[in-house]
Amino acid sequence: MITSITEFEKDICALFKNSQIEVYSTYDIRGHKLQKRENIQNNWFSAHRDNFDSKMYFTFTSEELVETMLNEVKKYNAQNTSNNPVKAIVLDIEKSV
C-alpha cells in the first residue's frame, strides 16, 4: 500500500512501471496533518490543520516485486525535497476468498 499527495500521481505510476507491477488500484483520499503552533497568537486554537488531496495505491503481487517497489520508493524519497514523502507499507494477508 502506498500513499502520496496527488501531485505525485504520475511519478508513482512510473514507480509501478519501473517495478514491473502492471496491475494496481488507486483511491482518492484526503490527508490531514495537525501542526502545533509555537505561538498561540498565530491561531485562535493551539493547532492548525492542513488538508491534502492524496492518493492511495495498492496491489497484490509477488514478494520480489514488492521489494523492488519499496526500493523505488526509497530512491524517490531520497531525490524528492517535498515535506510530503511517499509512504509505502506491506500488509500480510492471512486469509482471502
C-alpha atoms as a PDB file:
ATOM      1  CA  MET A   1       0.000   0.000   0.000  1.00  0.00           C
ATOM      2  CA  ILE A   2       1.345   3.422  -0.965  1.00  0.00           C
ATOM      3  CA  THR A   3       0.116   6.891  -0.103  1.00  0.00           C
ATOM      4  CA  SER A   4       1.213  10.191  -1.600  1.00  0.00           C
ATOM      5  CA  ILE A   5      -0.081  13.634  -2.401  1.00  0.00           C
ATOM      6  CA  THR A   6      -1.997  13.843  -5.665  1.00  0.00           C
ATOM      7  CA  GLU A   7       0.728  15.942  -7.302  1.00  0.00           C
ATOM      8  CA  PHE A   8       2.987  12.857  -7.334  1.00  0.00           C
ATOM      9  CA  GLU A   9       0.487  10.636  -9.198  1.00  0.00           C
ATOM     10  CA  LYS A  10       2.435  10.448 -12.479  1.00  0.00           C
ATOM     11  CA  ASP A  11       5.648   9.725 -10.583  1.00  0.00           C
ATOM     12  CA  ILE A  12       4.042   6.941  -8.549  1.00  0.00           C
ATOM     13  CA  CYS A  13       2.605   5.358 -11.690  1.00  0.00           C
ATOM     14  CA  ALA A  14       6.132   5.410 -13.142  1.00  0.00           C
ATOM     15  CA  LEU A  15       7.428   3.660  -9.994  1.00  0.00           C
ATOM     16  CA  PHE A  16       4.886   0.889 -10.529  1.00  0.00           C
ATOM     17  CA  LYS A  17       6.023   0.566 -14.143  1.00  0.00           C
ATOM     18  CA  ASN A  18       9.727   0.558 -13.137  1.00  0.00           C
ATOM     19  CA  SER A  19       8.932  -2.169 -10.600  1.00  0.00           C
ATOM     20  CA  GLN A  20       7.178  -4.228 -13.295  1.00  0.00           C
ATOM     21  CA  ILE A  21       3.899  -4.119 -11.353  1.00  0.00           C
ATOM     22  CA  GLU A  22       1.338  -3.897 -14.114  1.00  0.00           C
ATOM     23  CA  VAL A  23      -1.896  -4.141 -12.095  1.00  0.00           C
ATOM     24  CA  TYR A  24      -2.764  -1.863  -9.180  1.00  0.00           C
ATOM     25  CA  SER A  25      -5.687   0.139  -7.834  1.00  0.00           C
ATOM     26  CA  THR A  26      -5.986   3.757  -6.722  1.00  0.00           C
ATOM     27  CA  TYR A  27      -8.264   5.677  -4.406  1.00  0.00           C
ATOM     28  CA  ASP A  28      -8.646   9.413  -3.902  1.00  0.00           C
ATOM     29  CA  ILE A  29      -8.202  10.201  -0.222  1.00  0.00           C
ATOM     30  CA  ARG A  30      -7.916  13.294   1.955  1.00  0.00           C
ATOM     31  CA  GLY A  31      -4.796  13.594   4.094  1.00  0.00           C
ATOM     32  CA  HIS A  32      -4.668  15.666   7.263  1.00  0.00           C
ATOM     33  CA  LYS A  33      -1.658  16.957   9.128  1.00  0.00           C
ATOM     34  CA  LEU A  34      -2.126  18.539  12.534  1.00  0.00           C
ATOM     35  CA  GLN A  35       0.621  21.049  13.229  1.00  0.00           C
ATOM     36  CA  LYS A  36       1.090  22.600  16.639  1.00  0.00           C
ATOM     37  CA  ARG A  37       1.850  26.300  16.688  1.00  0.00           C
ATOM     38  CA  GLU A  38       4.620  27.644  18.888  1.00  0.00           C
ATOM     39  CA  ASN A  39       2.837  30.957  19.359  1.00  0.00           C
ATOM     40  CA  ILE A  40      -0.837  30.691  20.297  1.00  0.00           C
ATOM     41  CA  GLN A  41      -1.408  34.157  18.798  1.00  0.00           C
ATOM     42  CA  ASN A  42      -0.794  32.672  15.329  1.00  0.00           C
ATOM     43  CA  ASN A  43      -4.059  30.804  15.643  1.00  0.00           C
ATOM     44  CA  TRP A  44      -7.094  31.164  17.873  1.00  0.00           C
ATOM     45  CA  PHE A  45      -6.787  27.469  18.582  1.00  0.00           C
ATOM     46  CA  SER A  46      -3.488  25.946  19.654  1.00  0.00           C
ATOM     47  CA  ALA A  47      -3.069  23.910  16.478  1.00  0.00           C
ATOM     48  CA  HIS A  48      -3.557  24.234  12.723  1.00  0.00           C
ATOM     49  CA  ARG A  49      -4.806  21.521  10.398  1.00  0.00           C
ATOM     50  CA  ASP A  50      -3.512  21.232   6.845  1.00  0.00           C
ATOM     51  CA  ASN A  51      -5.512  19.169   4.358  1.00  0.00           C
ATOM     52  CA  PHE A  52      -4.008  17.460   1.331  1.00  0.00           C
ATOM     53  CA  ASP A  53      -5.577  15.818  -1.687  1.00  0.00           C
ATOM     54  CA  SER A  54      -3.889  12.441  -1.722  1.00  0.00           C
ATOM     55  CA  LYS A  55      -3.923   9.075  -3.448  1.00  0.00           C
ATOM     56  CA  MET A  56      -3.727   5.567  -2.065  1.00  0.00           C
ATOM     57  CA  TYR A  57      -2.410   2.769  -4.266  1.00  0.00           C
ATOM     58  CA  PHE A  58      -2.476  -0.948  -3.608  1.00  0.00           C
ATOM     59  CA  THR A  59      -1.670  -4.152  -5.385  1.00  0.00           C
ATOM     60  CA  PHE A  60      -1.469  -7.886  -4.776  1.00  0.00           C
ATOM     61  CA  THR A  61       1.842  -9.080  -6.160  1.00  0.00           C
ATOM     62  CA  SER A  62       4.918 -11.212  -5.516  1.00  0.00           C
ATOM     63  CA  GLU A  63       7.352 -10.579  -2.680  1.00  0.00           C
ATOM     64  CA  GLU A  64      10.108  -9.946  -5.226  1.00  0.00           C
ATOM     65  CA  LEU A  65       8.174  -7.146  -6.951  1.00  0.00           C
ATOM     66  CA  VAL A  66       7.201  -5.670  -3.573  1.00  0.00           C
ATOM     67  CA  GLU A  67      10.890  -5.400  -2.639  1.00  0.00           C
ATOM     68  CA  THR A  68      11.629  -3.737  -5.973  1.00  0.00           C
ATOM     69  CA  MET A  69       8.829  -1.234  -5.378  1.00  0.00           C
ATOM     70  CA  LEU A  70       9.995  -0.451  -1.834  1.00  0.00           C
ATOM     71  CA  ASN A  71      13.476   0.269  -3.198  1.00  0.00           C
ATOM     72  CA  GLU A  72      11.977   2.526  -5.882  1.00  0.00           C
ATOM     73  CA  VAL A  73      10.045   4.459  -3.226  1.00  0.00           C
ATOM     74  CA  LYS A  74      13.214   4.847  -1.108  1.00  0.00           C
ATOM     75  CA  LYS A  75      15.110   6.231  -4.107  1.00  0.00           C
ATOM     76  CA  TYR A  76      12.233   8.554  -4.997  1.00  0.00           C
ATOM     77  CA  ASN A  77      12.041   9.951  -1.468  1.00  0.00           C
ATOM     78  CA  ALA A  78      15.816  10.477  -1.375  1.00  0.00           C
ATOM     79  CA  GLN A  79      15.588  12.615  -4.529  1.00  0.00           C
ATOM     80  CA  ASN A  80      12.384  14.419  -3.546  1.00  0.00           C
ATOM     81  CA  THR A  81      12.677  17.553  -1.396  1.00  0.00           C
ATOM     82  CA  SER A  82       8.970  17.751  -0.544  1.00  0.00           C
ATOM     83  CA  ASN A  83       7.701  17.820   3.032  1.00  0.00           C
ATOM     84  CA  ASN A  84       5.316  15.054   1.965  1.00  0.00           C
ATOM     85  CA  PRO A  85       7.327  11.876   1.383  1.00  0.00           C
ATOM     86  CA  VAL A  86       5.742   8.909  -0.329  1.00  0.00           C
ATOM     87  CA  LYS A  87       4.829   6.260   2.235  1.00  0.00           C
ATOM     88  CA  ALA A  88       4.805   2.537   1.486  1.00  0.00           C
ATOM     89  CA  ILE A  89       3.827  -0.369   3.716  1.00  0.00           C
ATOM     90  CA  VAL A  90       3.423  -4.113   3.260  1.00  0.00           C
ATOM     91  CA  LEU A  91       0.429  -5.897   4.764  1.00  0.00           C
ATOM     92  CA  ASP A  92       0.236  -9.667   5.137  1.00  0.00           C
ATOM     93  CA  ILE A  93      -2.998 -11.293   4.047  1.00  0.00           C
ATOM     94  CA  GLU A  94      -3.852 -14.155   6.393  1.00  0.00           C
ATOM     95  CA  LYS A  95      -6.978 -15.306   4.563  1.00  0.00           C
ATOM     96  CA  SER A  96      -8.902 -14.422   1.452  1.00  0.00           C
ATOM     97  CA  VAL A  97     -11.854 -15.682  -0.531  1.00  0.00           C
END
